[in-house]
């Protein structure tokens, strides 16, 4: 399972690199993975400091953290 979460985290990173930002719902549609798996990938990236998450209108919007 950890490998699959890591792969989805990579998919999320690439999505955000191309789109600048994205909501959880947008990523579920574009990446075509279950919402729970997308959330785990976002958590992984957030924990590592690679994404910033904001709650907007009942969903979450993510952006890559630029250092």
Protein backbone atom coordinates (compact mmCIF):
# COMPACT_ATOMS: atom_id res chain seq x y z
CA UNK A 1 0.00 0.00 0.00
CA UNK A 2 2.82 2.42 0.84
CA UNK A 3 4.19 2.05 -2.69
CA UNK A 4 0.80 2.91 -4.19
CA UNK A 5 0.51 5.98 -1.95
CA UNK A 6 3.97 7.09 -3.06
CA UNK A 7 3.06 6.66 -6.72
CA UNK A 8 -0.12 8.69 -6.25
CA UNK A 9 1.88 11.36 -4.40
CA UNK A 10 4.06 11.59 -7.52
CA UNK A 11 0.96 11.86 -9.71
CA UNK A 12 -0.32 14.68 -7.50
CA UNK A 13 3.02 16.49 -7.69
CA UNK A 14 2.99 16.30 -11.50
CA UNK A 15 -0.64 17.47 -11.63
CA UNK A 16 0.12 20.48 -9.45
CA UNK A 17 3.29 21.27 -11.41
CA UNK A 18 1.19 21.46 -14.60
CA UNK A 19 -1.90 23.20 -13.16
CA UNK A 20 -0.35 25.40 -10.42
CA UNK A 21 -3.16 24.46 -8.00
CA UNK A 22 -6.00 22.02 -7.71
CA UNK A 23 -8.90 21.03 -5.53
CA UNK A 24 -9.27 17.56 -4.14
CA UNK A 25 -12.23 16.95 -6.45
CA UNK A 26 -10.24 18.10 -9.52
CA UNK A 27 -7.41 15.74 -8.67
CA UNK A 28 -9.75 12.78 -8.12
CA UNK A 29 -11.18 13.31 -11.62
CA UNK A 30 -7.84 13.95 -13.35
CA UNK A 31 -5.67 11.37 -11.60
CA UNK A 32 -8.44 8.75 -11.65
CA UNK A 33 -7.66 7.25 -8.26
CA UNK A 34 -9.94 6.85 -5.22
CA UNK A 35 -10.46 9.93 -3.08
CA UNK A 36 -8.99 8.21 -0.02
CA UNK A 37 -5.79 7.41 -1.88
CA UNK A 38 -5.51 11.01 -3.14
CA UNK A 39 -5.93 12.20 0.46
CA UNK A 40 -3.17 9.88 1.63
CA UNK A 41 -0.88 11.14 -1.13
CA UNK A 42 -1.66 14.75 -0.23
CA UNK A 43 -0.93 13.98 3.41
CA UNK A 44 2.40 12.48 2.43
CA UNK A 45 3.33 15.54 0.37
CA UNK A 46 2.12 17.95 3.07
CA UNK A 47 4.12 16.13 5.75
CA UNK A 48 7.24 16.39 3.60
CA UNK A 49 6.58 20.11 3.02
CA UNK A 50 6.01 19.75 -0.74
CA UNK A 51 2.43 21.06 -0.82
CA UNK A 52 0.40 23.69 0.95
CA UNK A 53 -3.25 22.85 1.66
CA UNK A 54 -6.05 25.38 2.15
CA UNK A 55 -9.67 24.63 2.95
CA UNK A 56 -11.92 26.42 0.47
CA UNK A 57 -15.68 26.07 0.36
CA UNK A 58 -15.87 22.66 1.97
CA UNK A 59 -13.04 21.12 -0.07
CA UNK A 60 -9.27 21.43 -0.11
CA UNK A 61 -7.05 23.24 -2.58
CA UNK A 62 -3.40 22.28 -2.91
CA UNK A 63 -0.43 24.15 -4.33
CA UNK A 64 3.20 23.14 -4.60
CA UNK A 65 5.43 24.72 -1.99
CA UNK A 66 8.15 26.64 -3.79
CA UNK A 67 11.38 26.98 -1.88
